Amino acid sequence: MTIAEATVKRLLELCSERNITINKISNISGITQSTVSDIVNGTTTNTGIVTIKKLCDGLEISMEEFFHDSSFENLGPEVK
């Protein structure tokens, strides 16, 4: 799994836990829906740290909470 895939997986898990749609997370995070959709659909594979911070703010969690998930353990190399 890549970091982009892990990020999508974690974001979708958090939205599901909170019963939040992609549209809702974009609204509460101040990120355009197209940007969030591009992340979730894999169009964007290099989500910026500022974007992740905004998503965390919208979810009312810390970045540590976001990344403290088994999805981010044992990631494969990004450079090949």
PDB file of N, CA and C in Angstrom:
ATOM      1  N   MET A   1       0.844  -1.174   0.000  1.00  0.00           N
ATOM      2  CA  MET A   1       0.000   0.000   0.000  1.00  0.00           C
ATOM      3  C   MET A   1       0.890   1.238   0.000  1.00  0.00           C
ATOM      4  N   THR A   2       0.498   2.239  -0.785  1.00  0.00           N
ATOM      5  CA  THR A   2       1.232   3.503  -0.830  1.00  0.00           C
ATOM      6  C   THR A   2       0.656   4.456   0.210  1.00  0.00           C
ATOM      7  N   ILE A   3       1.359   5.535   0.453  1.00  0.00           N
ATOM      8  CA  ILE A   3       0.848   6.536   1.399  1.00  0.00           C
ATOM      9  C   ILE A   3      -0.436   7.171   0.870  1.00  0.00           C
ATOM     10  N   ALA A   4      -0.542   7.345  -0.438  1.00  0.00           N
ATOM     11  CA  ALA A   4      -1.769   7.906  -1.021  1.00  0.00           C
ATOM     12  C   ALA A   4      -2.947   6.976  -0.764  1.00  0.00           C
ATOM     13  N   GLU A   5      -2.742   5.684  -0.962  1.00  0.00           N
ATOM     14  CA  GLU A   5      -3.807   4.705  -0.712  1.00  0.00           C
ATOM     15  C   GLU A   5      -4.173   4.657   0.768  1.00  0.00           C
ATOM     16  N   ALA A   6      -3.174   4.719   1.638  1.00  0.00           N
ATOM     17  CA  ALA A   6      -3.422   4.717   3.080  1.00  0.00           C
ATOM     18  C   ALA A   6      -4.192   5.962   3.503  1.00  0.00           C
ATOM     19  N   THR A   7      -3.865   7.099   2.896  1.00  0.00           N
ATOM     20  CA  THR A   7      -4.552   8.354   3.211  1.00  0.00           C
ATOM     21  C   THR A   7      -6.022   8.272   2.825  1.00  0.00           C
ATOM     22  N   VAL A   8      -6.295   7.747   1.645  1.00  0.00           N
ATOM     23  CA  VAL A   8      -7.679   7.580   1.187  1.00  0.00           C
ATOM     24  C   VAL A   8      -8.427   6.629   2.110  1.00  0.00           C
ATOM     25  N   LYS A   9      -7.806   5.517   2.417  1.00  0.00           N
ATOM     26  CA  LYS A   9      -8.436   4.516   3.291  1.00  0.00           C
ATOM     27  C   LYS A   9      -8.791   5.133   4.638  1.00  0.00           C
ATOM     28  N   ARG A  10      -7.854   5.856   5.221  1.00  0.00           N
ATOM     29  CA  ARG A  10      -8.086   6.467   6.529  1.00  0.00           C
ATOM     30  C   ARG A  10      -9.170   7.534   6.460  1.00  0.00           C
ATOM     31  N   LEU A  11      -9.148   8.367   5.437  1.00  0.00           N
ATOM     32  CA  LEU A  11     -10.156   9.407   5.287  1.00  0.00           C
ATOM     33  C   LEU A  11     -11.553   8.801   5.152  1.00  0.00           C
ATOM     34  N   LEU A  12     -11.675   7.781   4.338  1.00  0.00           N
ATOM     35  CA  LEU A  12     -12.975   7.129   4.157  1.00  0.00           C
ATOM     36  C   LEU A  12     -13.447   6.451   5.439  1.00  0.00           C
ATOM     37  N   GLU A  13     -12.525   5.846   6.186  1.00  0.00           N
ATOM     38  CA  GLU A  13     -12.882   5.230   7.470  1.00  0.00           C
ATOM     39  C   GLU A  13     -13.426   6.277   8.438  1.00  0.00           C
ATOM     40  N   LEU A  14     -12.721   7.396   8.539  1.00  0.00           N
ATOM     41  CA  LEU A  14     -13.139   8.451   9.460  1.00  0.00           C
ATOM     42  C   LEU A  14     -14.491   9.047   9.063  1.00  0.00           C
ATOM     43  N   CYS A  15     -14.697   9.233   7.774  1.00  0.00           N
ATOM     44  CA  CYS A  15     -15.987   9.743   7.305  1.00  0.00           C
ATOM     45  C   CYS A  15     -17.102   8.746   7.601  1.00  0.00           C
ATOM     46  N   SER A  16     -16.826   7.482   7.369  1.00  0.00           N
ATOM     47  CA  SER A  16     -17.814   6.440   7.630  1.00  0.00           C
ATOM     48  C   SER A  16     -18.170   6.373   9.116  1.00  0.00           C
ATOM     49  N   GLU A  17     -17.151   6.432   9.979  1.00  0.00           N
ATOM     50  CA  GLU A  17     -17.381   6.400  11.428  1.00  0.00           C
ATOM     51  C   GLU A  17     -18.281   7.543  11.875  1.00  0.00           C
ATOM     52  N   ARG A  18     -18.161   8.687  11.208  1.00  0.00           N
ATOM     53  CA  ARG A  18     -18.902   9.885  11.594  1.00  0.00           C
ATOM     54  C   ARG A  18     -20.149  10.107  10.730  1.00  0.00           C
ATOM     55  N   ASN A  19     -20.379   9.181   9.809  1.00  0.00           N
ATOM     56  CA  ASN A  19     -21.504   9.290   8.878  1.00  0.00           C
ATOM     57  C   ASN A  19     -21.459  10.625   8.122  1.00  0.00           C
ATOM     58  N   ILE A  20     -20.267  10.928   7.599  1.00  0.00           N
ATOM     59  CA  ILE A  20     -20.027  12.176   6.858  1.00  0.00           C
ATOM     60  C   ILE A  20     -19.755  11.829   5.395  1.00  0.00           C
ATOM     61  N   THR A  21     -20.388  12.549   4.495  1.00  0.00           N
ATOM     62  CA  THR A  21     -20.153  12.355   3.066  1.00  0.00           C
ATOM     63  C   THR A  21     -18.924  13.148   2.625  1.00  0.00           C
ATOM     64  N   ILE A  22     -18.479  12.864   1.421  1.00  0.00           N
ATOM     65  CA  ILE A  22     -17.364  13.612   0.839  1.00  0.00           C
ATOM     66  C   ILE A  22     -17.736  15.091   0.717  1.00  0.00           C
ATOM     67  N   ASN A  23     -18.965  15.359   0.344  1.00  0.00           N
ATOM     68  CA  ASN A  23     -19.424  16.748   0.243  1.00  0.00           C
ATOM     69  C   ASN A  23     -19.367  17.423   1.614  1.00  0.00           C
ATOM     70  N   LYS A  24     -19.818  16.740   2.637  1.00  0.00           N
ATOM     71  CA  LYS A  24     -19.827  17.314   3.985  1.00  0.00           C
ATOM     72  C   LYS A  24     -18.408  17.575   4.488  1.00  0.00           C
ATOM     73  N   ILE A  25     -17.489  16.608   4.292  1.00  0.00           N
ATOM     74  CA  ILE A  25     -16.119  16.813   4.774  1.00  0.00           C
ATOM     75  C   ILE A  25     -15.466  17.974   4.033  1.00  0.00           C
ATOM     76  N   SER A  26     -15.784  18.138   2.763  1.00  0.00           N
ATOM     77  CA  SER A  26     -15.214  19.276   2.032  1.00  0.00           C
ATOM     78  C   SER A  26     -15.759  20.592   2.600  1.00  0.00           C
ATOM     79  N   ASN A  27     -17.040  20.631   2.907  1.00  0.00           N
ATOM     80  CA  ASN A  27     -17.643  21.854   3.459  1.00  0.00           C
ATOM     81  C   ASN A  27     -17.080  22.203   4.827  1.00  0.00           C
ATOM     82  N   ILE A  28     -16.983  21.229   5.726  1.00  0.00           N
ATOM     83  CA  ILE A  28     -16.529  21.533   7.091  1.00  0.00           C
ATOM     84  C   ILE A  28     -15.022  21.754   7.165  1.00  0.00           C
ATOM     85  N   SER A  29     -14.305  21.304   6.126  1.00  0.00           N
ATOM     86  CA  SER A  29     -12.849  21.471   6.108  1.00  0.00           C
ATOM     87  C   SER A  29     -12.405  22.698   5.321  1.00  0.00           C
ATOM     88  N   GLY A  30     -13.318  23.275   4.546  1.00  0.00           N
ATOM     89  CA  GLY A  30     -12.958  24.427   3.730  1.00  0.00           C
ATOM     90  C   GLY A  30     -12.132  24.042   2.514  1.00  0.00           C
ATOM     91  N   ILE A  31     -12.323  22.829   2.047  1.00  0.00           N
ATOM     92  CA  ILE A  31     -11.617  22.323   0.865  1.00  0.00           C
ATOM     93  C   ILE A  31     -12.675  22.087  -0.212  1.00  0.00           C
ATOM     94  N   THR A  32     -12.358  22.398  -1.446  1.00  0.00           N
ATOM     95  CA  THR A  32     -13.352  22.188  -2.501  1.00  0.00           C
ATOM     96  C   THR A  32     -13.691  20.711  -2.628  1.00  0.00           C
ATOM     97  N   GLN A  33     -14.931  20.462  -3.020  1.00  0.00           N
ATOM     98  CA  GLN A  33     -15.369  19.083  -3.191  1.00  0.00           C
ATOM     99  C   GLN A  33     -14.548  18.380  -4.272  1.00  0.00           C
ATOM    100  N   SER A  34     -14.158  19.117  -5.300  1.00  0.00           N
ATOM    101  CA  SER A  34     -13.371  18.502  -6.369  1.00  0.00           C
ATOM    102  C   SER A  34     -12.016  18.034  -5.843  1.00  0.00           C
ATOM    103  N   THR A  35     -11.416  18.796  -4.931  1.00  0.00           N
ATOM    104  CA  THR A  35     -10.136  18.398  -4.356  1.00  0.00           C
ATOM    105  C   THR A  35     -10.295  17.122  -3.531  1.00  0.00           C
ATOM    106  N   VAL A  36     -11.317  17.082  -2.685  1.00  0.00           N
ATOM    107  CA  VAL A  36     -11.546  15.883  -1.866  1.00  0.00           C
ATOM    108  C   VAL A  36     -11.876  14.695  -2.762  1.00  0.00           C
ATOM    109  N   SER A  37     -12.677  14.910  -3.785  1.00  0.00           N
ATOM    110  CA  SER A  37     -13.003  13.832  -4.730  1.00  0.00           C
ATOM    111  C   SER A  37     -11.758  13.336  -5.447  1.00  0.00           C
ATOM    112  N   ASP A  38     -10.878  14.254  -5.838  1.00  0.00           N
ATOM    113  CA  ASP A  38      -9.629  13.850  -6.496  1.00  0.00           C
ATOM    114  C   ASP A  38      -8.761  13.003  -5.567  1.00  0.00           C
ATOM    115  N   ILE A  39      -8.745  13.340  -4.286  1.00  0.00           N
ATOM    116  CA  ILE A  39      -7.985  12.544  -3.315  1.00  0.00           C
ATOM    117  C   ILE A  39      -8.589  11.154  -3.216  1.00  0.00           C
ATOM    118  N   VAL A  40      -9.890  11.098  -3.002  1.00  0.00           N
ATOM    119  CA  VAL A  40     -10.578   9.817  -2.806  1.00  0.00           C
ATOM    120  C   VAL A  40     -10.528   8.945  -4.060  1.00  0.00           C
ATOM    121  N   ASN A  41     -10.630   9.557  -5.228  1.00  0.00           N
ATOM    122  CA  ASN A  41     -10.624   8.802  -6.488  1.00  0.00           C
ATOM    123  C   ASN A  41      -9.222   8.428  -6.960  1.00  0.00           C
ATOM    124  N   GLY A  42      -8.206   8.934  -6.271  1.00  0.00           N
ATOM    125  CA  GLY A  42      -6.841   8.605  -6.649  1.00  0.00           C
ATOM    126  C   GLY A  42      -6.267   9.473  -7.745  1.00  0.00           C
ATOM    127  N   THR A  43      -7.009  10.492  -8.166  1.00  0.00           N
ATOM    128  CA  THR A  43      -6.496  11.417  -9.173  1.00  0.00           C
ATOM    129  C   THR A  43      -5.318  12.198  -8.610  1.00  0.00           C
ATOM    130  N   THR A  44      -5.434  12.585  -7.343  1.00  0.00           N
ATOM    131  CA  THR A  44      -4.347  13.242  -6.620  1.00  0.00           C
ATOM    132  C   THR A  44      -3.649  12.193  -5.781  1.00  0.00           C
ATOM    133  N   THR A  45      -2.376  11.978  -6.041  1.00  0.00           N
ATOM    134  CA  THR A  45      -1.635  10.957  -5.285  1.00  0.00           C
ATOM    135  C   THR A  45      -0.622  11.577  -4.334  1.00  0.00           C
ATOM    136  N   ASN A  46      -0.590  12.894  -4.283  1.00  0.00           N
ATOM    137  CA  ASN A  46       0.356  13.579  -3.411  1.00  0.00           C
ATOM    138  C   ASN A  46      -0.386  14.670  -2.634  1.00  0.00           C
ATOM    139  N   THR A  47      -1.244  14.233  -1.714  1.00  0.00           N
ATOM    140  CA  THR A  47      -2.033  15.167  -0.926  1.00  0.00           C
ATOM    141  C   THR A  47      -1.114  15.966  -0.012  1.00  0.00           C
ATOM    142  N   GLY A  48      -1.225  17.259  -0.072  1.00  0.00           N
ATOM    143  CA  GLY A  48      -0.366  18.124   0.733  1.00  0.00           C
ATOM    144  C   GLY A  48      -0.701  18.064   2.213  1.00  0.00           C
ATOM    145  N   ILE A  49       0.285  18.353   3.026  1.00  0.00           N
ATOM    146  CA  ILE A  49       0.129  18.311   4.467  1.00  0.00           C
ATOM    147  C   ILE A  49      -0.870  19.357   4.949  1.00  0.00           C
ATOM    148  N   VAL A  50      -0.939  20.504   4.281  1.00  0.00           N
ATOM    149  CA  VAL A  50      -1.902  21.540   4.656  1.00  0.00           C
ATOM    150  C   VAL A  50      -3.326  21.030   4.407  1.00  0.00           C
ATOM    151  N   THR A  51      -3.531  20.326   3.311  1.00  0.00           N
ATOM    152  CA  THR A  51      -4.841  19.755   3.012  1.00  0.00           C
ATOM    153  C   THR A  51      -5.220  18.721   4.065  1.00  0.00           C
ATOM    154  N   ILE A  52      -4.284  17.872   4.437  1.00  0.00           N
ATOM    155  CA  ILE A  52      -4.562  16.871   5.471  1.00  0.00           C
ATOM    156  C   ILE A  52      -4.887  17.557   6.794  1.00  0.00           C
ATOM    157  N   LYS A  53      -4.168  18.625   7.120  1.00  0.00           N
ATOM    158  CA  LYS A  53      -4.443  19.374   8.349  1.00  0.00           C
ATOM    159  C   LYS A  53      -5.849  19.956   8.326  1.00  0.00           C
ATOM    160  N   LYS A  54      -6.271  20.496   7.190  1.00  0.00           N
ATOM    161  CA  LYS A  54      -7.625  21.042   7.076  1.00  0.00           C
ATOM    162  C   LYS A  54      -8.674  19.946   7.242  1.00  0.00           C
ATOM    163  N   LEU A  55      -8.421  18.775   6.655  1.00  0.00           N
ATOM    164  CA  LEU A  55      -9.339  17.646   6.820  1.00  0.00           C
ATOM    165  C   LEU A  55      -9.425  17.242   8.289  1.00  0.00           C
ATOM    166  N   CYS A  56      -8.287  17.201   8.954  1.00  0.00           N
ATOM    167  CA  CYS A  56      -8.260  16.870  10.381  1.00  0.00           C
ATOM    168  C   CYS A  56      -9.032  17.911  11.192  1.00  0.00           C
ATOM    169  N   ASP A  57      -8.844  19.171  10.874  1.00  0.00           N
ATOM    170  CA  ASP A  57      -9.582  20.230  11.562  1.00  0.00           C
ATOM    171  C   ASP A  57     -11.084  20.045  11.376  1.00  0.00           C
ATOM    172  N   GLY A  58     -11.496  19.731  10.160  1.00  0.00           N
ATOM    173  CA  GLY A  58     -12.915  19.494   9.890  1.00  0.00           C
ATOM    174  C   GLY A  58     -13.456  18.294  10.648  1.00  0.00           C
ATOM    175  N   LEU A  59     -12.622  17.278  10.798  1.00  0.00           N
ATOM    176  CA  LEU A  59     -13.020  16.071  11.543  1.00  0.00           C
ATOM    177  C   LEU A  59     -12.848  16.243  13.048  1.00  0.00           C
ATOM    178  N   GLU A  60     -12.253  17.368  13.436  1.00  0.00           N
ATOM    179  CA  GLU A  60     -11.974  17.667  14.844  1.00  0.00           C
ATOM    180  C   GLU A  60     -11.077  16.617  15.490  1.00  0.00           C
ATOM    181  N   ILE A  61     -10.013  16.271  14.739  1.00  0.00           N
ATOM    182  CA  ILE A  61      -9.001  15.359  15.255  1.00  0.00           C
ATOM    183  C   ILE A  61      -7.627  15.971  14.995  1.00  0.00           C
ATOM    184  N   SER A  62      -6.637  15.467  15.700  1.00  0.00           N
ATOM    185  CA  SER A  62      -5.270  15.921  15.464  1.00  0.00           C
ATOM    186  C   SER A  62      -4.681  15.151  14.289  1.00  0.00           C
ATOM    187  N   MET A  63      -3.608  15.663  13.750  1.00  0.00           N
ATOM    188  CA  MET A  63      -2.922  14.951  12.679  1.00  0.00           C
ATOM    189  C   MET A  63      -2.357  13.636  13.219  1.00  0.00           C
ATOM    190  N   GLU A  64      -1.944  13.657  14.474  1.00  0.00           N
ATOM    191  CA  GLU A  64      -1.450  12.429  15.099  1.00  0.00           C
ATOM    192  C   GLU A  64      -2.541  11.358  15.093  1.00  0.00           C
ATOM    193  N   GLU A  65      -3.767  11.747  15.408  1.00  0.00           N
ATOM    194  CA  GLU A  65      -4.879  10.796  15.378  1.00  0.00           C
ATOM    195  C   GLU A  65      -5.123  10.281  13.963  1.00  0.00           C
ATOM    196  N   PHE A  66      -5.002  11.167  12.996  1.00  0.00           N
ATOM    197  CA  PHE A  66      -5.212  10.752  11.611  1.00  0.00           C
ATOM    198  C   PHE A  66      -4.207   9.674  11.207  1.00  0.00           C
ATOM    199  N   PHE A  67      -2.941   9.925  11.512  1.00  0.00           N
ATOM    200  CA  PHE A  67      -1.889   9.005  11.074  1.00  0.00           C
ATOM    201  C   PHE A  67      -1.677   7.823  12.016  1.00  0.00           C
ATOM    202  N   HIS A  68      -2.277   7.868  13.191  1.00  0.00           N
ATOM    203  CA  HIS A  68      -2.140   6.760  14.134  1.00  0.00           C
ATOM    204  C   HIS A  68      -3.144   5.671  13.765  1.00  0.00           C
ATOM    205  N   ASP A  69      -2.808   4.948  12.717  1.00  0.00           N
ATOM    206  CA  ASP A  69      -3.693   3.920  12.174  1.00  0.00           C
ATOM    207  C   ASP A  69      -2.836   2.867  11.499  1.00  0.00           C
ATOM    208  N   SER A  70      -3.279   1.643  11.548  1.00  0.00           N
ATOM    209  CA  SER A  70      -2.507   0.539  10.968  1.00  0.00           C
ATOM    210  C   SER A  70      -2.294   0.701   9.462  1.00  0.00           C
ATOM    211  N   SER A  71      -3.109   1.508   8.808  1.00  0.00           N
ATOM    212  CA  SER A  71      -2.944   1.744   7.372  1.00  0.00           C
ATOM    213  C   SER A  71      -1.577   2.334   7.050  1.00  0.00           C
ATOM    214  N   PHE A  72      -1.000   3.059   8.007  1.00  0.00           N
ATOM    215  CA  PHE A  72       0.269   3.736   7.773  1.00  0.00           C
ATOM    216  C   PHE A  72       1.472   2.923   8.246  1.00  0.00           C
ATOM    217  N   GLU A  73       1.232   1.716   8.731  1.00  0.00           N
ATOM    218  CA  GLU A  73       2.323   0.836   9.131  1.00  0.00           C
ATOM    219  C   GLU A  73       2.770   0.012   7.931  1.00  0.00           C
ATOM    220  N   ASN A  74       4.036  -0.237   7.860  1.00  0.00           N
ATOM    221  CA  ASN A  74       4.610  -1.112   6.824  1.00  0.00           C
ATOM    222  C   ASN A  74       4.285  -0.663   5.405  1.00  0.00           C
ATOM    223  N   LEU A  75       4.323   0.628   5.185  1.00  0.00           N
ATOM    224  CA  LEU A  75       4.105   1.140   3.825  1.00  0.00           C
ATOM    225  C   LEU A  75       5.287   0.752   2.943  1.00  0.00           C
ATOM    226  N   GLY A  76       4.991   0.473   1.705  1.00  0.00           N
ATOM    227  CA  GLY A  76       6.038   0.160   0.743  1.00  0.00           C
ATOM    228  C   GLY A  76       6.805   1.414   0.365  1.00  0.00           C
ATOM    229  N   PRO A  77       7.921   1.238  -0.309  1.00  0.00           N
ATOM    230  CA  PRO A  77       8.705   2.405  -0.728  1.00  0.00           C
ATOM    231  C   PRO A  77       7.951   3.231  -1.760  1.00  0.00           C
ATOM    232  N   GLU A  78       8.095   4.530  -1.648  1.00  0.00           N
ATOM    233  CA  GLU A  78       7.447   5.446  -2.582  1.00  0.00           C
ATOM    234  C   GLU A  78       8.325   5.689  -3.813  1.00  0.00           C
ATOM    235  N   VAL A  79       9.615   5.586  -3.642  1.00  0.00           N
ATOM    236  CA  VAL A  79      10.556   5.798  -4.739  1.00  0.00           C
ATOM    237  C   VAL A  79      10.968   4.441  -5.270  1.00  0.00           C
ATOM    238  N   LYS A  80      10.845   4.288  -6.573  1.00  0.00           N
ATOM    239  CA  LYS A  80      11.192   2.991  -7.173  1.00  0.00           C
ATOM    240  C   LYS A  80      12.213   3.185  -8.261  1.00  0.00           C
TER     241      LYS A  80
END
